[in-house]
Amino acid sequence: MKSFLPALLATCTFSLLAHAAPVSLSDGKTFDGWNGDTEKTWRVVDGAFVGGSLEEKVPHNEFLATNKSYGNFELRLKFKLVGTEGFVNGGVQFRSQRIPNHFEMIGYQADEGDGYFGSLYDESRRKKALATPDKELIEKTLKKGEWNDYRIRCEGRHIQLWINGVQTVDYTEPDESIEQTGLIGIQVHGNGKTEAWYKDITIEELP
């Protein structure tokens, strides 16, 4: 009988190579691999990227973005959003681009903020939520003002979001003209005394 072991080993090896191992996108100490307003808006505290201030309002949206673009991937990170005044909001951009000569980014966002947690928002493009979770689901799942887990998975036109292991969005992009690769970014929203914290950012690139 012919042995199928060599073929089986080859298949397993290919499967392992096709899925790159998760890698960290931050060294927890510097902004290496990222770009943004690191003079005033963004800083590194206890291994986390922190945007904004509780002492004065953030004048407008600010984003810290990767230098590298990504297409199919699974992104995992921890986020914490705190605020004392105004519009307290943040989010995780993906498959996005910076708008030239502007502070904004354009693309998908895994949103954060009251009424927005766990939603898929289209930043600076359609300017609306593309998919939103049930309010009661978020109330049961979210640890407000504390660290929470965000998981973002993109495969082709299929986008899924989870907060603390609970799925909040399962969306397939119907518009074939919309680009499905781009930068990863983290946001602190303008017009609020807000701090948006992000840490333990890892990405696993998918075929």
Protein backbone atom coordinates (compact mmCIF):
# COMPACT_ATOMS: atom_id res chain seq x y z
CA MET A 1 0.00 0.00 0.00
CA LYS A 2 1.28 3.42 -0.95
CA SER A 3 2.06 5.69 2.00
CA PHE A 4 0.17 8.99 2.19
CA LEU A 5 2.42 10.36 4.94
CA PRO A 6 4.66 12.56 2.69
CA ALA A 7 1.60 14.17 1.07
CA LEU A 8 -0.03 14.70 4.47
CA LEU A 9 3.11 16.34 5.86
CA ALA A 10 3.36 18.60 2.81
CA THR A 11 -0.28 19.68 3.21
CA CYS A 12 0.21 20.46 6.90
CA THR A 13 3.40 22.41 6.16
CA PHE A 14 1.64 24.48 3.49
CA SER A 15 -1.24 25.20 5.86
CA LEU A 16 1.15 26.46 8.54
CA LEU A 17 3.02 28.65 6.06
CA ALA A 18 -0.19 30.09 4.63
CA HIS A 19 -1.19 31.46 8.03
CA ALA A 20 1.51 33.75 9.34
CA ALA A 21 1.98 33.67 13.09
CA PRO A 22 0.55 36.65 15.02
CA VAL A 23 3.08 39.44 15.46
CA SER A 24 3.07 42.45 17.76
CA LEU A 25 2.57 45.86 16.17
CA SER A 26 4.05 47.73 19.14
CA ASP A 27 7.14 47.31 21.27
CA GLY A 28 5.35 49.04 24.16
CA LYS A 29 8.07 51.68 24.42
CA THR A 30 8.30 53.63 21.16
CA PHE A 31 6.26 54.61 18.09
CA ASP A 32 8.36 52.44 15.77
CA GLY A 33 6.22 51.35 12.81
CA TRP A 34 3.60 54.03 13.48
CA ASN A 35 3.04 57.67 12.50
CA GLY A 36 0.90 60.50 13.88
CA ASP A 37 0.98 63.50 16.20
CA THR A 38 3.41 62.09 18.74
CA GLU A 39 4.41 65.56 19.91
CA LYS A 40 1.13 66.48 21.57
CA THR A 41 -1.71 63.98 21.06
CA TRP A 42 -0.13 60.53 21.42
CA ARG A 43 2.20 59.15 24.09
CA VAL A 44 3.31 55.76 25.42
CA VAL A 45 2.30 54.94 29.01
CA ASP A 46 2.87 51.57 30.71
CA GLY A 47 3.20 49.79 27.37
CA ALA A 48 0.08 51.39 25.88
CA PHE A 49 -0.53 54.03 23.23
CA VAL A 50 -2.57 56.83 24.82
CA GLY A 51 -4.28 59.57 22.84
CA GLY A 52 -5.93 62.71 24.15
CA SER A 53 -6.23 64.38 27.53
CA LEU A 54 -8.59 64.65 30.49
CA GLU A 55 -7.43 68.21 31.11
CA GLU A 56 -8.29 69.84 27.78
CA LYS A 57 -10.48 68.96 24.81
CA VAL A 58 -8.94 67.25 21.82
CA PRO A 59 -9.48 69.87 19.07
CA HIS A 60 -10.22 67.35 16.30
CA ASN A 61 -9.92 63.67 15.46
CA GLU A 62 -6.39 62.33 15.71
CA PHE A 63 -5.07 59.00 14.45
CA LEU A 64 -1.93 57.00 15.08
CA ALA A 65 -1.47 54.75 12.04
CA THR A 66 0.79 51.93 10.92
CA ASN A 67 3.33 52.52 8.19
CA LYS A 68 2.38 49.18 6.64
CA SER A 69 -0.84 48.24 4.83
CA TYR A 70 -2.77 45.01 5.45
CA GLY A 71 -5.45 43.13 3.53
CA ASN A 72 -6.68 39.87 5.06
CA PHE A 73 -5.90 39.57 8.76
CA GLU A 74 -7.03 39.00 12.30
CA LEU A 75 -6.22 41.96 14.55
CA ARG A 76 -6.41 41.73 18.33
CA LEU A 77 -5.89 44.47 20.90
CA LYS A 78 -7.02 45.81 24.23
CA PHE A 79 -8.69 49.22 24.50
CA LYS A 80 -9.85 51.50 27.30
CA LEU A 81 -11.86 54.69 26.79
CA VAL A 82 -12.27 57.28 29.54
CA GLY A 83 -13.55 60.84 29.48
CA THR A 84 -14.87 63.68 31.61
CA GLU A 85 -16.49 66.07 29.16
CA GLY A 86 -17.80 66.37 25.61
CA PHE A 87 -17.88 63.60 23.00
CA VAL A 88 -15.99 60.63 24.44
CA ASN A 89 -15.19 58.38 21.50
CA GLY A 90 -12.39 56.45 19.80
CA GLY A 91 -11.95 53.54 17.46
CA VAL A 92 -9.72 51.21 15.46
CA GLN A 93 -9.26 52.02 11.78
CA PHE A 94 -8.49 49.23 9.32
CA ARG A 95 -8.24 48.91 5.55
CA SER A 96 -7.90 52.69 5.74
CA GLN A 97 -5.81 55.54 4.34
CA ARG A 98 -4.80 58.97 5.55
CA ILE A 99 -6.47 61.85 3.72
CA PRO A 100 -3.64 63.93 2.20
CA ASN A 101 -2.94 67.23 3.98
CA HIS A 102 -5.65 66.48 6.56
CA PHE A 103 -5.90 65.00 10.04
CA GLU A 104 -8.62 62.49 9.05
CA MET A 105 -8.45 58.89 7.88
CA ILE A 106 -10.84 57.24 5.48
CA GLY A 107 -11.95 53.64 5.79
CA TYR A 108 -13.51 51.10 8.13
CA GLN A 109 -13.54 51.63 11.88
CA ALA A 110 -14.31 49.31 14.79
CA ASP A 111 -16.01 52.01 16.82
CA GLU A 112 -15.86 52.94 20.52
CA GLY A 113 -18.12 55.23 22.53
CA ASP A 114 -21.63 55.27 23.97
CA GLY A 115 -24.02 54.12 21.28
CA TYR A 116 -21.10 53.06 19.07
CA PHE A 117 -19.20 50.31 20.90
CA GLY A 118 -18.84 47.24 18.71
CA SER A 119 -20.21 48.98 15.60
CA LEU A 120 -18.62 49.00 12.16
CA TYR A 121 -18.37 52.64 11.04
CA ASP A 122 -17.29 53.98 7.66
CA GLU A 123 -15.01 56.91 8.56
CA SER A 124 -14.94 59.93 6.17
CA ARG A 125 -16.45 57.87 3.32
CA ARG A 126 -20.11 56.91 3.75
CA LYS A 127 -19.92 58.51 7.22
CA LYS A 128 -22.34 56.11 8.85
CA ALA A 129 -22.50 52.88 10.83
CA LEU A 130 -22.58 49.94 8.43
CA ALA A 131 -23.52 47.43 11.13
CA THR A 132 -24.43 47.85 14.80
CA PRO A 133 -24.86 45.38 17.66
CA ASP A 134 -27.85 45.10 19.94
CA LYS A 135 -27.69 47.66 22.77
CA GLU A 136 -28.41 45.07 25.45
CA LEU A 137 -25.62 42.84 24.12
CA ILE A 138 -23.10 45.67 24.56
CA GLU A 139 -24.41 46.49 28.04
CA LYS A 140 -23.79 42.89 29.10
CA THR A 141 -20.43 42.57 27.34
CA LEU A 142 -18.58 45.88 27.73
CA LYS A 143 -16.54 46.78 30.80
CA LYS A 144 -17.00 50.53 30.65
CA GLY A 145 -13.94 52.58 31.58
CA GLU A 146 -11.83 49.40 31.88
CA TRP A 147 -9.71 47.32 29.53
CA ASN A 148 -11.67 45.43 26.88
CA ASP A 149 -10.62 43.10 24.06
CA TYR A 150 -11.30 43.97 20.43
CA ARG A 151 -10.96 41.29 17.74
CA ILE A 152 -11.22 42.30 14.08
CA ARG A 153 -11.16 39.68 11.33
CA CYS A 154 -11.12 40.55 7.61
CA GLU A 155 -11.24 37.91 4.89
CA GLY A 156 -12.06 39.20 1.43
CA ARG A 157 -15.20 41.31 1.75
CA HIS A 158 -16.20 39.60 4.99
CA ILE A 159 -15.63 41.65 8.17
CA GLN A 160 -16.28 40.42 11.71
CA LEU A 161 -15.92 42.19 15.06
CA TRP A 162 -15.87 40.86 18.61
CA ILE A 163 -15.67 42.61 22.00
CA ASN A 164 -14.54 40.47 24.93
CA GLY A 165 -15.15 37.33 22.89
CA VAL A 166 -18.74 38.25 21.93
CA GLN A 167 -19.43 38.87 18.25
CA THR A 168 -20.92 42.31 17.55
CA VAL A 169 -20.68 42.51 13.74
CA ASP A 170 -20.81 40.04 10.85
CA TYR A 171 -20.75 42.14 7.69
CA THR A 172 -20.06 41.51 4.01
CA GLU A 173 -19.20 44.57 1.93
CA PRO A 174 -21.62 44.78 -1.04
CA ASP A 175 -19.75 47.58 -2.85
CA GLU A 176 -17.04 45.96 -4.94
CA SER A 177 -15.42 49.33 -5.68
CA ILE A 178 -14.28 49.80 -2.06
CA GLU A 179 -10.62 48.99 -1.41
CA GLN A 180 -10.04 46.03 0.89
CA THR A 181 -6.47 46.77 1.90
CA GLY A 182 -5.01 49.64 3.91
CA LEU A 183 -3.52 50.92 7.13
CA ILE A 184 -4.35 50.03 10.72
CA GLY A 185 -5.03 53.08 12.88
CA ILE A 186 -6.18 53.99 16.37
CA GLN A 187 -8.29 57.07 17.05
CA VAL A 188 -9.08 59.56 19.75
CA HIS A 189 -12.13 61.58 18.71
CA GLY A 190 -12.17 65.35 18.79
CA ASN A 191 -14.34 67.65 20.92
CA GLY A 192 -14.01 65.79 24.19
CA LYS A 193 -11.83 65.59 27.26
CA THR A 194 -10.94 62.04 26.40
CA GLU A 195 -8.18 59.48 26.78
CA ALA A 196 -8.18 56.53 24.39
CA TRP A 197 -5.82 53.73 25.47
CA TYR A 198 -4.63 50.84 23.26
CA LYS A 199 -2.21 48.00 24.04
CA ASP A 200 -1.25 44.39 23.25
CA ILE A 201 -1.82 45.04 19.53
CA THR A 202 -1.14 41.90 17.45
CA ILE A 203 -1.96 40.94 13.88
CA GLU A 204 -2.10 37.61 12.11
CA GLU A 205 -1.99 37.99 8.34
CA LEU A 206 -4.30 35.61 6.46
CA PRO A 207 -4.05 34.32 2.89
